[in-house]
Amino acid sequence: MDRDDLGFLLAKATQRWNEFLQARFRAAGWGAVRPSYGSILVPLFEEDGLRIGELARRARLSKQTMTTMVRLLERDRLVRRVRDPDDGRAFRILLTAKARRFEPVAEHTLIELNTLAGERLGERRLQSVKHALKEWIET
């Protein structure tokens, strides 16, 4: 294995992306929001009130990992867990008002970083990378 290994490059690209996210969140006054929270927040921004199992499926995380992540977001008051009225054994995850205040910051940051990626790679290459990554994720 070397620095040209695909896994190494993907890991380092993800690390760099997360560094950009964290720096911008911090600059906007949201330094406590970890980039890893995006796995939970993005699906909830799309559809609030998902059950933990469905949230785990959309985030492509195990239920065990999802439960741990939800606890962290609860600790940071970004989500709250409520009993599912249709099934008292299940829980739904709801965004808090704090998370709703963060949503435009996250949206703006992602637009900014996508623009930066487009400037660095060119729009055609950026679309190609996105397409390839989506194919890999769905494998």
C-alpha atoms as a PDB file:
ATOM      1  CA  MET A   1       0.000   0.000   0.000  1.00  0.00           C
ATOM      2  CA  ASP A   2       1.164   3.540  -0.729  1.00  0.00           C
ATOM      3  CA  ARG A   3      -0.142   7.094  -0.865  1.00  0.00           C
ATOM      4  CA  ASP A   4      -1.652   6.370  -4.286  1.00  0.00           C
ATOM      5  CA  ASP A   5      -3.927   3.675  -2.808  1.00  0.00           C
ATOM      6  CA  LEU A   6      -7.615   4.455  -3.410  1.00  0.00           C
ATOM      7  CA  GLY A   7      -8.580   3.784   0.220  1.00  0.00           C
ATOM      8  CA  PHE A   8      -5.852   6.058   1.495  1.00  0.00           C
ATOM      9  CA  LEU A   9      -6.876   8.819  -0.920  1.00  0.00           C
ATOM     10  CA  LEU A  10     -10.565   8.531   0.007  1.00  0.00           C
ATOM     11  CA  ALA A  11      -9.717   8.633   3.717  1.00  0.00           C
ATOM     12  CA  LYS A  12      -7.482  11.692   3.299  1.00  0.00           C
ATOM     13  CA  ALA A  13     -10.028  13.455   1.075  1.00  0.00           C
ATOM     14  CA  THR A  14     -12.710  12.836   3.719  1.00  0.00           C
ATOM     15  CA  GLN A  15     -10.376  14.073   6.430  1.00  0.00           C
ATOM     16  CA  ARG A  16      -9.686  17.270   4.464  1.00  0.00           C
ATOM     17  CA  TRP A  17     -13.393  17.814   3.737  1.00  0.00           C
ATOM     18  CA  ASN A  18     -14.171  17.453   7.446  1.00  0.00           C
ATOM     19  CA  GLU A  19     -11.406  19.926   8.316  1.00  0.00           C
ATOM     20  CA  PHE A  20     -13.017  22.453   5.963  1.00  0.00           C
ATOM     21  CA  LEU A  21     -16.444  21.793   7.514  1.00  0.00           C
ATOM     22  CA  GLN A  22     -15.191  22.105  11.079  1.00  0.00           C
ATOM     23  CA  ALA A  23     -13.336  25.353  10.370  1.00  0.00           C
ATOM     24  CA  ARG A  24     -16.399  26.923   8.759  1.00  0.00           C
ATOM     25  CA  PHE A  25     -18.754  25.695  11.488  1.00  0.00           C
ATOM     26  CA  ARG A  26     -16.409  27.133  14.115  1.00  0.00           C
ATOM     27  CA  ALA A  27     -16.180  30.468  12.275  1.00  0.00           C
ATOM     28  CA  ALA A  28     -19.987  30.631  12.197  1.00  0.00           C
ATOM     29  CA  GLY A  29     -20.215  29.999  15.946  1.00  0.00           C
ATOM     30  CA  TRP A  30     -21.113  26.304  15.673  1.00  0.00           C
ATOM     31  CA  GLY A  31     -17.795  24.733  16.658  1.00  0.00           C
ATOM     32  CA  ALA A  32     -19.494  22.069  18.803  1.00  0.00           C
ATOM     33  CA  VAL A  33     -21.165  20.539  15.739  1.00  0.00           C
ATOM     34  CA  ARG A  34     -18.996  17.703  14.489  1.00  0.00           C
ATOM     35  CA  PRO A  35     -18.829  16.922  10.768  1.00  0.00           C
ATOM     36  CA  SER A  36     -19.817  13.325  11.615  1.00  0.00           C
ATOM     37  CA  TYR A  37     -23.196  14.641  12.798  1.00  0.00           C
ATOM     38  CA  GLY A  38     -24.055  15.160   9.139  1.00  0.00           C
ATOM     39  CA  SER A  39     -24.859  11.455   8.826  1.00  0.00           C
ATOM     40  CA  ILE A  40     -27.838  12.064  11.124  1.00  0.00           C
ATOM     41  CA  LEU A  41     -28.676  15.697  10.444  1.00  0.00           C
ATOM     42  CA  VAL A  42     -28.793  15.551   6.633  1.00  0.00           C
ATOM     43  CA  PRO A  43     -31.484  12.805   6.502  1.00  0.00           C
ATOM     44  CA  LEU A  44     -33.448  14.605   9.255  1.00  0.00           C
ATOM     45  CA  PHE A  45     -33.208  17.916   7.404  1.00  0.00           C
ATOM     46  CA  GLU A  46     -34.755  16.055   4.456  1.00  0.00           C
ATOM     47  CA  GLU A  47     -37.440  14.360   6.596  1.00  0.00           C
ATOM     48  CA  ASP A  48     -37.752  15.040  10.305  1.00  0.00           C
ATOM     49  CA  GLY A  49     -39.113  12.442  12.703  1.00  0.00           C
ATOM     50  CA  LEU A  50     -37.572   9.285  11.253  1.00  0.00           C
ATOM     51  CA  ARG A  51     -37.413   6.092  13.290  1.00  0.00           C
ATOM     52  CA  ILE A  52     -33.907   5.107  14.378  1.00  0.00           C
ATOM     53  CA  GLY A  53     -33.921   2.074  12.054  1.00  0.00           C
ATOM     54  CA  GLU A  54     -34.890   4.148   9.018  1.00  0.00           C
ATOM     55  CA  LEU A  55     -32.398   6.847   9.955  1.00  0.00           C
ATOM     56  CA  ALA A  56     -29.679   4.173  10.228  1.00  0.00           C
ATOM     57  CA  ARG A  57     -30.623   2.811   6.797  1.00  0.00           C
ATOM     58  CA  ARG A  58     -30.499   6.248   5.161  1.00  0.00           C
ATOM     59  CA  ALA A  59     -27.211   7.092   6.894  1.00  0.00           C
ATOM     60  CA  ARG A  60     -25.788   3.655   6.022  1.00  0.00           C
ATOM     61  CA  LEU A  61     -24.850   3.065   9.666  1.00  0.00           C
ATOM     62  CA  SER A  62     -25.604   0.139  11.970  1.00  0.00           C
ATOM     63  CA  LYS A  63     -28.430   0.605  14.480  1.00  0.00           C
ATOM     64  CA  GLN A  64     -25.855   0.338  17.268  1.00  0.00           C
ATOM     65  CA  THR A  65     -23.730   3.129  15.766  1.00  0.00           C
ATOM     66  CA  MET A  66     -26.862   5.177  15.101  1.00  0.00           C
ATOM     67  CA  THR A  67     -27.956   4.853  18.731  1.00  0.00           C
ATOM     68  CA  THR A  68     -24.543   6.085  19.887  1.00  0.00           C
ATOM     69  CA  MET A  69     -24.610   8.996  17.431  1.00  0.00           C
ATOM     70  CA  VAL A  70     -28.157   9.977  18.430  1.00  0.00           C
ATOM     71  CA  ARG A  71     -27.054  10.081  22.068  1.00  0.00           C
ATOM     72  CA  LEU A  72     -24.262  12.487  21.127  1.00  0.00           C
ATOM     73  CA  LEU A  73     -26.673  14.728  19.226  1.00  0.00           C
ATOM     74  CA  GLU A  74     -29.111  14.578  22.146  1.00  0.00           C
ATOM     75  CA  ARG A  75     -26.284  15.606  24.493  1.00  0.00           C
ATOM     76  CA  ASP A  76     -25.584  18.577  22.215  1.00  0.00           C
ATOM     77  CA  ARG A  77     -29.339  19.366  22.087  1.00  0.00           C
ATOM     78  CA  LEU A  78     -29.616  18.955  18.317  1.00  0.00           C
ATOM     79  CA  VAL A  79     -32.166  16.127  18.374  1.00  0.00           C
ATOM     80  CA  ARG A  80     -34.631  14.613  20.776  1.00  0.00           C
ATOM     81  CA  ARG A  81     -35.987  11.105  20.921  1.00  0.00           C
ATOM     82  CA  VAL A  82     -39.759  10.589  21.298  1.00  0.00           C
ATOM     83  CA  ARG A  83     -41.873   7.443  21.433  1.00  0.00           C
ATOM     84  CA  ASP A  84     -43.449   6.557  18.120  1.00  0.00           C
ATOM     85  CA  PRO A  85     -47.206   7.037  18.532  1.00  0.00           C
ATOM     86  CA  ASP A  86     -47.802   4.124  16.107  1.00  0.00           C
ATOM     87  CA  ASP A  87     -45.478   1.726  17.973  1.00  0.00           C
ATOM     88  CA  GLY A  88     -44.682   2.433  21.620  1.00  0.00           C
ATOM     89  CA  ARG A  89     -41.551   0.247  21.429  1.00  0.00           C
ATOM     90  CA  ALA A  90     -39.972   2.421  18.722  1.00  0.00           C
ATOM     91  CA  PHE A  91     -38.569   5.936  18.845  1.00  0.00           C
ATOM     92  CA  ARG A  92     -38.631   8.766  16.366  1.00  0.00           C
ATOM     93  CA  ILE A  93     -35.799  11.277  16.174  1.00  0.00           C
ATOM     94  CA  LEU A  94     -36.823  14.918  15.962  1.00  0.00           C
ATOM     95  CA  LEU A  95     -34.723  17.975  15.266  1.00  0.00           C
ATOM     96  CA  THR A  96     -34.650  20.608  17.982  1.00  0.00           C
ATOM     97  CA  ALA A  97     -34.979  24.354  17.462  1.00  0.00           C
ATOM     98  CA  LYS A  98     -31.196  24.538  17.856  1.00  0.00           C
ATOM     99  CA  ALA A  99     -30.715  22.120  14.937  1.00  0.00           C
ATOM    100  CA  ARG A 100     -33.132  24.169  12.830  1.00  0.00           C
ATOM    101  CA  ARG A 101     -31.016  27.269  13.523  1.00  0.00           C
ATOM    102  CA  PHE A 102     -27.940  25.317  12.413  1.00  0.00           C
ATOM    103  CA  GLU A 103     -29.557  24.060   9.172  1.00  0.00           C
ATOM    104  CA  PRO A 104     -28.944  27.232   7.100  1.00  0.00           C
ATOM    105  CA  VAL A 105     -25.329  27.332   8.335  1.00  0.00           C
ATOM    106  CA  ALA A 106     -24.822  23.733   7.194  1.00  0.00           C
ATOM    107  CA  GLU A 107     -26.541  24.416   3.872  1.00  0.00           C
ATOM    108  CA  HIS A 108     -24.448  27.521   3.212  1.00  0.00           C
ATOM    109  CA  THR A 109     -21.246  25.701   4.185  1.00  0.00           C
ATOM    110  CA  LEU A 110     -21.951  22.786   1.860  1.00  0.00           C
ATOM    111  CA  ILE A 111     -22.743  25.132  -1.030  1.00  0.00           C
ATOM    112  CA  GLU A 112     -19.493  26.987  -0.343  1.00  0.00           C
ATOM    113  CA  LEU A 113     -17.437  23.779  -0.256  1.00  0.00           C
ATOM    114  CA  ASN A 114     -19.094  22.384  -3.387  1.00  0.00           C
ATOM    115  CA  THR A 115     -18.279  25.654  -5.143  1.00  0.00           C
ATOM    116  CA  LEU A 116     -14.674  25.396  -3.977  1.00  0.00           C
ATOM    117  CA  ALA A 117     -14.493  21.795  -5.238  1.00  0.00           C
ATOM    118  CA  GLY A 118     -15.921  22.901  -8.583  1.00  0.00           C
ATOM    119  CA  GLU A 119     -13.314  25.658  -8.852  1.00  0.00           C
ATOM    120  CA  ARG A 120     -10.483  23.259  -8.046  1.00  0.00           C
ATOM    121  CA  LEU A 121     -11.626  20.334 -10.194  1.00  0.00           C
ATOM    122  CA  GLY A 122     -13.723  21.975 -12.858  1.00  0.00           C
ATOM    123  CA  GLU A 123     -17.437  21.281 -13.125  1.00  0.00           C
ATOM    124  CA  ARG A 124     -17.116  18.285 -15.466  1.00  0.00           C
ATOM    125  CA  ARG A 125     -14.571  16.494 -13.254  1.00  0.00           C
ATOM    126  CA  LEU A 126     -16.564  17.327 -10.124  1.00  0.00           C
ATOM    127  CA  GLN A 127     -19.699  15.764 -11.635  1.00  0.00           C
ATOM    128  CA  SER A 128     -17.645  12.733 -12.656  1.00  0.00           C
ATOM    129  CA  VAL A 129     -16.283  12.323  -9.113  1.00  0.00           C
ATOM    130  CA  LYS A 130     -19.778  12.655  -7.633  1.00  0.00           C
ATOM    131  CA  HIS A 131     -21.127  10.082 -10.063  1.00  0.00           C
ATOM    132  CA  ALA A 132     -18.313   7.637  -9.288  1.00  0.00           C
ATOM    133  CA  LEU A 133     -18.738   8.072  -5.526  1.00  0.00           C
ATOM    134  CA  LYS A 134     -22.501   7.482  -5.756  1.00  0.00           C
ATOM    135  CA  GLU A 135     -21.852   4.299  -7.711  1.00  0.00           C
ATOM    136  CA  TRP A 136     -19.332   3.144  -5.105  1.00  0.00           C
ATOM    137  CA  ILE A 137     -21.695   3.911  -2.222  1.00  0.00           C
ATOM    138  CA  GLU A 138     -24.484   1.905  -3.845  1.00  0.00           C
ATOM    139  CA  THR A 139     -22.235  -1.132  -4.442  1.00  0.00           C
END
